[in-house]
Amino acid sequence: MNDKSLFMDKNLPNLIHVLEKEVENYRLLLTALRKEKDAVLCSSIEKLNAAASEKDSLILKIGFLEKRRLKSLHKLATYLNCPPETIRLKRLAKMVPQPHSYRLNIIYRNLVEITKQIGKMNRSNENLMTHALNVTKESITFLYNLIVSHSTYYPTGKMYSKKRNGLLMSETI
């Protein structure tokens, strides 16, 4: 076994493990986004707060894993004598021996699919929350207008009306 295979056998499994953990956490993030959607649909603040807390925790874990991934990637890039920013998962899969290449390709496909699903779910939740917020604002405005509606007549007896509503049925009373 040469130095290159020894290096690869030591560092690639570590990188693959980190990437698999990232995929796992992205799947959990998608589940949290689904919980968020359900919470909005059933108007449950408690469930929405729980989903938000779960999302925050997962995002922190993914950030930590991302730092570990970059560290492993930098080691591999140094050893492979290429800039780390040029190494993409698909390219790395072509550069390494089996079974690592096979596992990296699976991880790549999983990451592409899960990130598409997360993006779609995130946009859906954003639209749903924007709609819910707009409905809430309109309800508050409606209630506010009911509470602070002005009297029909001024103390002088003149009629108050900024806007004319309704239909004129007859010119005479």
N, C-alpha and C. Protein backbone atom coordinates (compact mmCIF):
# COMPACT_ATOMS: atom_id res chain seq x y z
N MET A 1 0.86 -1.17 0.00
CA MET A 1 0.00 0.00 0.00
C MET A 1 0.91 1.24 0.00
N ASN A 2 0.68 2.14 -0.95
CA ASN A 2 1.52 3.33 -1.02
C ASN A 2 0.97 4.45 -0.16
N ASP A 3 1.73 5.55 -0.10
CA ASP A 3 1.34 6.69 0.75
C ASP A 3 0.00 7.30 0.31
N LYS A 4 -0.19 7.34 -1.01
CA LYS A 4 -1.43 7.93 -1.52
C LYS A 4 -2.64 7.12 -1.06
N SER A 5 -2.58 5.78 -1.19
CA SER A 5 -3.72 5.00 -0.76
C SER A 5 -3.91 5.05 0.75
N LEU A 6 -2.83 5.10 1.49
CA LEU A 6 -2.93 5.22 2.94
C LEU A 6 -3.61 6.53 3.31
N PHE A 7 -3.20 7.61 2.66
CA PHE A 7 -3.80 8.92 2.92
C PHE A 7 -5.29 8.90 2.58
N MET A 8 -5.60 8.35 1.41
CA MET A 8 -7.00 8.29 0.97
C MET A 8 -7.84 7.40 1.89
N ASP A 9 -7.28 6.26 2.28
CA ASP A 9 -8.00 5.35 3.15
C ASP A 9 -8.26 5.95 4.53
N LYS A 10 -7.43 6.89 4.92
CA LYS A 10 -7.61 7.53 6.22
C LYS A 10 -8.56 8.73 6.13
N ASN A 11 -8.41 9.55 5.10
CA ASN A 11 -9.16 10.81 5.03
C ASN A 11 -10.49 10.74 4.29
N LEU A 12 -10.56 9.91 3.26
CA LEU A 12 -11.83 9.82 2.53
C LEU A 12 -12.98 9.29 3.38
N PRO A 13 -12.79 8.24 4.16
CA PRO A 13 -13.90 7.79 5.00
C PRO A 13 -14.40 8.87 5.96
N ASN A 14 -13.48 9.69 6.45
CA ASN A 14 -13.87 10.78 7.33
C ASN A 14 -14.75 11.78 6.58
N LEU A 15 -14.33 12.17 5.39
CA LEU A 15 -15.11 13.10 4.57
C LEU A 15 -16.47 12.49 4.23
N ILE A 16 -16.47 11.24 3.84
CA ILE A 16 -17.73 10.57 3.48
C ILE A 16 -18.67 10.51 4.68
N HIS A 17 -18.12 10.22 5.85
CA HIS A 17 -18.93 10.18 7.07
C HIS A 17 -19.57 11.55 7.33
N VAL A 18 -18.80 12.60 7.20
CA VAL A 18 -19.33 13.96 7.43
C VAL A 18 -20.42 14.28 6.40
N LEU A 19 -20.18 13.93 5.15
CA LEU A 19 -21.18 14.19 4.10
C LEU A 19 -22.47 13.40 4.35
N GLU A 20 -22.34 12.17 4.79
CA GLU A 20 -23.53 11.36 5.09
C GLU A 20 -24.31 11.95 6.26
N LYS A 21 -23.59 12.48 7.24
CA LYS A 21 -24.24 13.15 8.38
C LYS A 21 -24.97 14.41 7.90
N GLU A 22 -24.35 15.13 6.96
CA GLU A 22 -25.01 16.32 6.40
C GLU A 22 -26.30 15.94 5.69
N VAL A 23 -26.27 14.88 4.89
CA VAL A 23 -27.47 14.41 4.20
C VAL A 23 -28.55 14.07 5.23
N GLU A 24 -28.16 13.36 6.26
CA GLU A 24 -29.10 12.97 7.32
C GLU A 24 -29.73 14.20 7.97
N ASN A 25 -28.91 15.22 8.26
CA ASN A 25 -29.44 16.43 8.89
C ASN A 25 -30.28 17.26 7.93
N TYR A 26 -29.96 17.25 6.65
CA TYR A 26 -30.80 17.93 5.66
C TYR A 26 -32.17 17.25 5.57
N ARG A 27 -32.20 15.93 5.68
CA ARG A 27 -33.48 15.22 5.69
C ARG A 27 -34.31 15.60 6.92
N LEU A 28 -33.62 15.70 8.04
CA LEU A 28 -34.32 16.13 9.26
C LEU A 28 -34.82 17.57 9.13
N LEU A 29 -34.07 18.41 8.44
CA LEU A 29 -34.48 19.79 8.20
C LEU A 29 -35.74 19.82 7.33
N LEU A 30 -35.79 18.96 6.33
CA LEU A 30 -37.00 18.87 5.49
C LEU A 30 -38.20 18.45 6.34
N THR A 31 -38.00 17.51 7.25
CA THR A 31 -39.08 17.09 8.16
C THR A 31 -39.52 18.26 9.03
N ALA A 32 -38.57 19.04 9.52
CA ALA A 32 -38.91 20.22 10.34
C ALA A 32 -39.68 21.25 9.52
N LEU A 33 -39.33 21.40 8.25
CA LEU A 33 -40.07 22.33 7.38
C LEU A 33 -41.50 21.84 7.16
N ARG A 34 -41.69 20.55 7.06
CA ARG A 34 -43.05 19.99 6.92
C ARG A 34 -43.85 20.25 8.20
N LYS A 35 -43.20 20.11 9.35
CA LYS A 35 -43.86 20.40 10.63
C LYS A 35 -44.23 21.88 10.70
N GLU A 36 -43.36 22.73 10.19
CA GLU A 36 -43.62 24.17 10.16
C GLU A 36 -44.87 24.46 9.32
N LYS A 37 -44.96 23.81 8.17
CA LYS A 37 -46.12 23.99 7.29
C LYS A 37 -47.39 23.55 8.00
N ASP A 38 -47.35 22.38 8.64
CA ASP A 38 -48.52 21.88 9.37
C ASP A 38 -48.92 22.83 10.49
N ALA A 39 -47.94 23.40 11.17
CA ALA A 39 -48.21 24.34 12.27
C ALA A 39 -48.90 25.59 11.75
N VAL A 40 -48.46 26.08 10.60
CA VAL A 40 -49.09 27.27 10.01
C VAL A 40 -50.52 26.94 9.58
N LEU A 41 -50.70 25.78 8.95
CA LEU A 41 -52.03 25.40 8.47
C LEU A 41 -53.03 25.22 9.61
N CYS A 42 -52.56 24.72 10.75
CA CYS A 42 -53.49 24.55 11.87
C CYS A 42 -53.43 25.72 12.86
N SER A 43 -52.69 26.76 12.49
CA SER A 43 -52.60 28.00 13.30
C SER A 43 -52.17 27.72 14.74
N SER A 44 -51.15 26.89 14.89
CA SER A 44 -50.65 26.55 16.22
C SER A 44 -49.30 27.25 16.47
N ILE A 45 -49.34 28.25 17.31
CA ILE A 45 -48.12 28.98 17.66
C ILE A 45 -47.12 28.06 18.36
N GLU A 46 -47.62 27.18 19.22
CA GLU A 46 -46.74 26.26 19.94
C GLU A 46 -45.99 25.34 18.97
N LYS A 47 -46.73 24.77 18.02
CA LYS A 47 -46.10 23.89 17.03
C LYS A 47 -45.15 24.66 16.12
N LEU A 48 -45.52 25.89 15.78
CA LEU A 48 -44.66 26.72 14.94
C LEU A 48 -43.36 27.05 15.68
N ASN A 49 -43.45 27.38 16.95
CA ASN A 49 -42.24 27.66 17.75
C ASN A 49 -41.37 26.41 17.88
N ALA A 50 -42.00 25.26 18.07
CA ALA A 50 -41.24 24.00 18.19
C ALA A 50 -40.53 23.70 16.87
N ALA A 51 -41.21 23.89 15.75
CA ALA A 51 -40.60 23.64 14.44
C ALA A 51 -39.46 24.62 14.19
N ALA A 52 -39.64 25.87 14.56
CA ALA A 52 -38.58 26.87 14.38
C ALA A 52 -37.36 26.53 15.24
N SER A 53 -37.60 26.07 16.45
CA SER A 53 -36.50 25.67 17.33
C SER A 53 -35.76 24.47 16.77
N GLU A 54 -36.51 23.51 16.24
CA GLU A 54 -35.90 22.33 15.63
C GLU A 54 -35.07 22.73 14.41
N LYS A 55 -35.61 23.62 13.60
CA LYS A 55 -34.88 24.11 12.42
C LYS A 55 -33.58 24.80 12.84
N ASP A 56 -33.66 25.67 13.83
CA ASP A 56 -32.46 26.38 14.30
C ASP A 56 -31.38 25.41 14.77
N SER A 57 -31.79 24.40 15.52
CA SER A 57 -30.85 23.40 16.01
C SER A 57 -30.19 22.63 14.86
N LEU A 58 -31.00 22.25 13.88
CA LEU A 58 -30.46 21.52 12.73
C LEU A 58 -29.52 22.39 11.90
N ILE A 59 -29.86 23.65 11.74
CA ILE A 59 -29.00 24.56 10.98
C ILE A 59 -27.65 24.72 11.67
N LEU A 60 -27.65 24.77 13.00
CA LEU A 60 -26.38 24.82 13.74
C LEU A 60 -25.57 23.55 13.52
N LYS A 61 -26.23 22.38 13.57
CA LYS A 61 -25.54 21.11 13.34
C LYS A 61 -24.96 21.05 11.93
N ILE A 62 -25.76 21.48 10.96
CA ILE A 62 -25.30 21.47 9.57
C ILE A 62 -24.11 22.41 9.40
N GLY A 63 -24.15 23.55 10.06
CA GLY A 63 -23.02 24.49 10.01
C GLY A 63 -21.75 23.89 10.59
N PHE A 64 -21.89 23.17 11.70
CA PHE A 64 -20.75 22.50 12.32
C PHE A 64 -20.19 21.43 11.38
N LEU A 65 -21.09 20.64 10.78
CA LEU A 65 -20.66 19.60 9.84
C LEU A 65 -20.00 20.21 8.61
N GLU A 66 -20.50 21.34 8.18
CA GLU A 66 -19.93 22.01 7.02
C GLU A 66 -18.48 22.44 7.29
N LYS A 67 -18.23 22.92 8.50
CA LYS A 67 -16.85 23.29 8.88
C LYS A 67 -15.94 22.06 8.85
N ARG A 68 -16.45 20.94 9.35
CA ARG A 68 -15.67 19.70 9.32
C ARG A 68 -15.43 19.23 7.90
N ARG A 69 -16.45 19.36 7.05
CA ARG A 69 -16.32 18.97 5.65
C ARG A 69 -15.24 19.80 4.95
N LEU A 70 -15.27 21.10 5.19
CA LEU A 70 -14.28 21.99 4.56
C LEU A 70 -12.87 21.66 5.03
N LYS A 71 -12.72 21.34 6.31
CA LYS A 71 -11.41 20.98 6.85
C LYS A 71 -10.89 19.71 6.16
N SER A 72 -11.74 18.70 6.04
CA SER A 72 -11.35 17.45 5.36
C SER A 72 -11.05 17.71 3.89
N LEU A 73 -11.85 18.54 3.27
CA LEU A 73 -11.67 18.86 1.86
C LEU A 73 -10.34 19.58 1.62
N HIS A 74 -9.99 20.47 2.52
CA HIS A 74 -8.71 21.18 2.40
C HIS A 74 -7.52 20.21 2.50
N LYS A 75 -7.63 19.25 3.40
CA LYS A 75 -6.56 18.24 3.51
C LYS A 75 -6.44 17.46 2.20
N LEU A 76 -7.58 17.03 1.67
CA LEU A 76 -7.56 16.28 0.41
C LEU A 76 -7.04 17.13 -0.74
N ALA A 77 -7.46 18.37 -0.79
CA ALA A 77 -7.03 19.26 -1.87
C ALA A 77 -5.52 19.48 -1.82
N THR A 78 -5.00 19.65 -0.63
CA THR A 78 -3.56 19.83 -0.48
C THR A 78 -2.83 18.58 -0.97
N TYR A 79 -3.34 17.43 -0.57
CA TYR A 79 -2.70 16.19 -0.98
C TYR A 79 -2.82 15.96 -2.50
N LEU A 80 -3.98 16.31 -3.07
CA LEU A 80 -4.20 16.12 -4.50
C LEU A 80 -3.59 17.26 -5.33
N ASN A 81 -3.04 18.23 -4.63
CA ASN A 81 -2.37 19.37 -5.27
C ASN A 81 -3.30 20.16 -6.21
N CYS A 82 -4.47 20.49 -5.66
CA CYS A 82 -5.39 21.35 -6.41
C CYS A 82 -6.12 22.27 -5.43
N PRO A 83 -6.57 23.44 -5.90
CA PRO A 83 -7.26 24.38 -5.00
C PRO A 83 -8.56 23.78 -4.45
N PRO A 84 -8.82 23.94 -3.16
CA PRO A 84 -10.02 23.36 -2.56
C PRO A 84 -11.32 23.86 -3.20
N GLU A 85 -11.33 25.13 -3.64
CA GLU A 85 -12.56 25.68 -4.22
C GLU A 85 -12.90 25.07 -5.58
N THR A 86 -11.95 24.36 -6.19
CA THR A 86 -12.22 23.73 -7.48
C THR A 86 -12.73 22.30 -7.34
N ILE A 87 -12.65 21.77 -6.13
CA ILE A 87 -13.10 20.39 -5.92
C ILE A 87 -14.59 20.38 -5.63
N ARG A 88 -15.31 19.76 -6.51
CA ARG A 88 -16.74 19.54 -6.33
C ARG A 88 -16.93 18.06 -6.07
N LEU A 89 -18.05 17.73 -5.49
CA LEU A 89 -18.31 16.35 -5.10
C LEU A 89 -18.23 15.40 -6.30
N LYS A 90 -18.83 15.81 -7.40
CA LYS A 90 -18.80 14.97 -8.60
C LYS A 90 -17.37 14.78 -9.11
N ARG A 91 -16.59 15.85 -9.08
CA ARG A 91 -15.20 15.79 -9.54
C ARG A 91 -14.39 14.89 -8.62
N LEU A 92 -14.59 15.05 -7.32
CA LEU A 92 -13.86 14.23 -6.35
C LEU A 92 -14.19 12.75 -6.55
N ALA A 93 -15.44 12.45 -6.84
CA ALA A 93 -15.85 11.06 -7.06
C ALA A 93 -15.10 10.45 -8.25
N LYS A 94 -14.77 11.27 -9.22
CA LYS A 94 -14.01 10.77 -10.39
C LYS A 94 -12.53 10.60 -10.08
N MET A 95 -12.05 11.29 -9.04
CA MET A 95 -10.62 11.28 -8.72
C MET A 95 -10.23 10.17 -7.75
N VAL A 96 -11.20 9.59 -7.06
CA VAL A 96 -10.88 8.63 -6.01
C VAL A 96 -11.25 7.21 -6.43
N PRO A 97 -10.64 6.23 -5.79
CA PRO A 97 -10.92 4.83 -6.15
C PRO A 97 -12.26 4.34 -5.58
N GLN A 98 -12.68 3.19 -6.08
CA GLN A 98 -13.87 2.52 -5.54
C GLN A 98 -13.50 1.97 -4.16
N PRO A 99 -14.35 1.78 -3.24
CA PRO A 99 -15.78 2.05 -3.22
C PRO A 99 -16.10 3.51 -2.88
N HIS A 100 -15.06 4.31 -2.60
CA HIS A 100 -15.29 5.71 -2.22
C HIS A 100 -16.01 6.48 -3.32
N SER A 101 -15.64 6.24 -4.56
CA SER A 101 -16.26 6.92 -5.70
C SER A 101 -17.76 6.64 -5.75
N TYR A 102 -18.12 5.40 -5.55
CA TYR A 102 -19.53 5.01 -5.57
C TYR A 102 -20.31 5.73 -4.46
N ARG A 103 -19.77 5.73 -3.27
CA ARG A 103 -20.44 6.38 -2.12
C ARG A 103 -20.55 7.89 -2.33
N LEU A 104 -19.53 8.51 -2.89
CA LEU A 104 -19.58 9.96 -3.15
C LEU A 104 -20.64 10.29 -4.19
N ASN A 105 -20.79 9.45 -5.19
CA ASN A 105 -21.84 9.67 -6.20
C ASN A 105 -23.24 9.56 -5.59
N ILE A 106 -23.42 8.61 -4.71
CA ILE A 106 -24.72 8.46 -4.02
C ILE A 106 -24.99 9.70 -3.17
N ILE A 107 -23.99 10.13 -2.43
CA ILE A 107 -24.14 11.32 -1.59
C ILE A 107 -24.48 12.53 -2.46
N TYR A 108 -23.81 12.66 -3.58
CA TYR A 108 -24.07 13.78 -4.49
C TYR A 108 -25.54 13.77 -4.94
N ARG A 109 -26.03 12.63 -5.39
CA ARG A 109 -27.43 12.55 -5.84
C ARG A 109 -28.40 12.86 -4.70
N ASN A 110 -28.10 12.34 -3.52
CA ASN A 110 -28.96 12.61 -2.36
C ASN A 110 -28.98 14.10 -2.00
N LEU A 111 -27.81 14.72 -2.02
CA LEU A 111 -27.74 16.15 -1.70
C LEU A 111 -28.49 17.00 -2.71
N VAL A 112 -28.34 16.67 -3.98
CA VAL A 112 -29.05 17.43 -5.02
C VAL A 112 -30.56 17.32 -4.81
N GLU A 113 -31.04 16.11 -4.59
CA GLU A 113 -32.48 15.89 -4.42
C GLU A 113 -33.01 16.56 -3.16
N ILE A 114 -32.32 16.38 -2.05
CA ILE A 114 -32.82 16.92 -0.79
C ILE A 114 -32.78 18.45 -0.78
N THR A 115 -31.75 19.04 -1.38
CA THR A 115 -31.70 20.50 -1.40
C THR A 115 -32.78 21.09 -2.30
N LYS A 116 -33.14 20.39 -3.37
CA LYS A 116 -34.27 20.83 -4.21
C LYS A 116 -35.57 20.80 -3.40
N GLN A 117 -35.76 19.71 -2.67
CA GLN A 117 -36.98 19.57 -1.85
C GLN A 117 -37.03 20.63 -0.75
N ILE A 118 -35.90 20.90 -0.14
CA ILE A 118 -35.84 21.92 0.92
C ILE A 118 -36.17 23.30 0.33
N GLY A 119 -35.59 23.61 -0.82
CA GLY A 119 -35.88 24.90 -1.46
C GLY A 119 -37.35 25.04 -1.79
N LYS A 120 -37.95 23.98 -2.33
CA LYS A 120 -39.37 24.01 -2.69
C LYS A 120 -40.24 24.18 -1.45
N MET A 121 -39.92 23.43 -0.40
CA MET A 121 -40.71 23.50 0.83
C MET A 121 -40.54 24.87 1.50
N ASN A 122 -39.34 25.40 1.46
CA ASN A 122 -39.08 26.72 2.05
C ASN A 122 -39.90 27.79 1.34
N ARG A 123 -39.92 27.76 -0.01
CA ARG A 123 -40.71 28.73 -0.77
C ARG A 123 -42.19 28.57 -0.48
N SER A 124 -42.65 27.33 -0.39
CA SER A 124 -44.05 27.07 -0.08
C SER A 124 -44.42 27.62 1.30
N ASN A 125 -43.56 27.38 2.29
CA ASN A 125 -43.82 27.88 3.64
C ASN A 125 -43.79 29.40 3.68
N GLU A 126 -42.87 29.98 2.94
CA GLU A 126 -42.79 31.45 2.90
C GLU A 126 -44.08 32.04 2.32
N ASN A 127 -44.56 31.45 1.23
CA ASN A 127 -45.81 31.93 0.62
C ASN A 127 -46.99 31.75 1.58
N LEU A 128 -47.03 30.61 2.24
CA LEU A 128 -48.11 30.33 3.19
C LEU A 128 -48.09 31.32 4.36
N MET A 129 -46.90 31.58 4.89
CA MET A 129 -46.79 32.52 6.02
C MET A 129 -47.09 33.95 5.58
N THR A 130 -46.67 34.31 4.39
CA THR A 130 -46.97 35.66 3.88
C THR A 130 -48.47 35.83 3.74
N HIS A 131 -49.13 34.81 3.21
CA HIS A 131 -50.59 34.87 3.07
C HIS A 131 -51.26 34.96 4.45
N ALA A 132 -50.82 34.13 5.38
CA ALA A 132 -51.41 34.15 6.72
C ALA A 132 -51.20 35.51 7.39
N LEU A 133 -50.03 36.09 7.19
CA LEU A 133 -49.74 37.41 7.76
C LEU A 133 -50.63 38.48 7.14
N ASN A 134 -50.81 38.42 5.82
CA ASN A 134 -51.68 39.39 5.15
C ASN A 134 -53.13 39.27 5.62
N VAL A 135 -53.62 38.05 5.76
CA VAL A 135 -54.98 37.84 6.26
C VAL A 135 -55.12 38.40 7.68
N THR A 136 -54.12 38.15 8.50
CA THR A 136 -54.13 38.66 9.88
C THR A 136 -54.14 40.18 9.90
N LYS A 137 -53.29 40.81 9.07
CA LYS A 137 -53.25 42.28 9.00
C LYS A 137 -54.60 42.84 8.55
N GLU A 138 -55.20 42.20 7.54
CA GLU A 138 -56.50 42.66 7.06
C GLU A 138 -57.56 42.54 8.15
N SER A 139 -57.53 41.47 8.91
CA SER A 139 -58.48 41.28 10.01
C SER A 139 -58.30 42.34 11.08
N ILE A 140 -57.05 42.62 11.41
CA ILE A 140 -56.76 43.65 12.41
C ILE A 140 -57.23 45.01 11.92
N THR A 141 -56.99 45.33 10.67
CA THR A 141 -57.43 46.60 10.10
C THR A 141 -58.95 46.69 10.13
N PHE A 142 -59.62 45.61 9.77
CA PHE A 142 -61.08 45.58 9.80
C PHE A 142 -61.60 45.84 11.21
N LEU A 143 -61.04 45.13 12.19
CA LEU A 143 -61.48 45.31 13.58
C LEU A 143 -61.17 46.72 14.08
N TYR A 144 -60.01 47.24 13.72
CA TYR A 144 -59.65 48.59 14.13
C TYR A 144 -60.65 49.60 13.57
N ASN A 145 -61.01 49.43 12.31
CA ASN A 145 -61.97 50.35 11.69
C ASN A 145 -63.34 50.26 12.33
N LEU A 146 -63.71 49.09 12.82
CA LEU A 146 -64.98 48.96 13.53
C LEU A 146 -64.95 49.69 14.86
N ILE A 147 -63.83 49.60 15.54
CA ILE A 147 -63.70 50.20 16.86
C ILE A 147 -63.62 51.72 16.80
N VAL A 148 -62.87 52.24 15.87
CA VAL A 148 -62.64 53.69 15.82
C VAL A 148 -63.48 54.38 14.74
N SER A 149 -64.57 53.72 14.35
CA SER A 149 -65.38 54.36 13.32
C SER A 149 -65.95 55.67 13.88
N HIS A 150 -66.02 56.65 13.03
CA HIS A 150 -66.49 57.97 13.45
C HIS A 150 -68.01 57.99 13.50
N SER A 151 -68.50 58.86 14.31
CA SER A 151 -69.93 59.05 14.42
C SER A 151 -70.46 59.53 13.07
N THR A 152 -71.69 59.22 12.77
CA THR A 152 -72.28 59.63 11.51
C THR A 152 -72.47 61.15 11.47
N TYR A 153 -72.76 61.74 12.64
CA TYR A 153 -73.03 63.19 12.69
C TYR A 153 -72.03 63.89 13.59
N TYR A 154 -71.64 65.08 13.18
CA TYR A 154 -70.85 65.96 14.04
C TYR A 154 -71.77 66.56 15.09
N PRO A 155 -71.18 67.08 16.17
CA PRO A 155 -72.03 67.72 17.19
C PRO A 155 -72.89 68.86 16.62
N THR A 156 -72.47 69.44 15.53
CA THR A 156 -73.23 70.54 14.91
C THR A 156 -74.44 70.03 14.16
N GLY A 157 -74.52 68.73 13.93
CA GLY A 157 -75.63 68.17 13.20
C GLY A 157 -75.30 67.85 11.75
N LYS A 158 -74.13 68.30 11.29
CA LYS A 158 -73.74 67.99 9.92
C LYS A 158 -73.32 66.53 9.85
N MET A 159 -73.52 65.93 8.66
CA MET A 159 -73.20 64.53 8.47
C MET A 159 -71.71 64.37 8.16
N TYR A 160 -71.09 63.37 8.77
CA TYR A 160 -69.67 63.08 8.55
C TYR A 160 -69.55 61.93 7.58
N SER A 161 -68.72 62.10 6.56
CA SER A 161 -68.43 60.98 5.68
C SER A 161 -67.26 61.35 4.80
N LYS A 162 -66.16 60.59 4.95
CA LYS A 162 -65.02 60.78 4.08
C LYS A 162 -65.30 60.09 2.75
N LYS A 163 -65.86 58.93 2.85
CA LYS A 163 -66.14 58.11 1.68
C LYS A 163 -67.64 57.91 1.60
N ARG A 164 -68.16 57.98 0.45
CA ARG A 164 -69.59 57.72 0.29
C ARG A 164 -69.76 56.24 -0.05
N ASN A 165 -70.51 55.57 0.77
CA ASN A 165 -70.77 54.15 0.56
C ASN A 165 -72.24 53.94 0.28
N GLY A 166 -72.56 52.84 -0.30
CA GLY A 166 -73.95 52.50 -0.56
C GLY A 166 -74.48 53.14 -1.82
N LEU A 167 -75.73 52.87 -2.11
CA LEU A 167 -76.37 53.41 -3.31
C LEU A 167 -77.38 54.46 -2.94
N LEU A 168 -77.54 55.42 -3.79
CA LEU A 168 -78.55 56.44 -3.59
C LEU A 168 -79.84 55.87 -4.16
N MET A 169 -80.82 55.68 -3.32
CA MET A 169 -82.08 55.08 -3.77
C MET A 169 -83.07 56.14 -4.24
N SER A 170 -83.03 57.28 -3.55
CA SER A 170 -83.99 58.33 -3.90
C SER A 170 -83.36 59.68 -3.56
N GLU A 171 -83.66 60.68 -4.38
CA GLU A 171 -83.15 62.02 -4.07
C GLU A 171 -83.94 62.69 -2.99
N THR A 172 -85.11 62.22 -2.72
CA THR A 172 -85.96 62.82 -1.68
C THR A 172 -86.17 61.82 -0.57
N ILE A 173 -86.38 62.38 0.58
CA ILE A 173 -86.60 61.52 1.74
C ILE A 173 -88.07 61.48 2.05
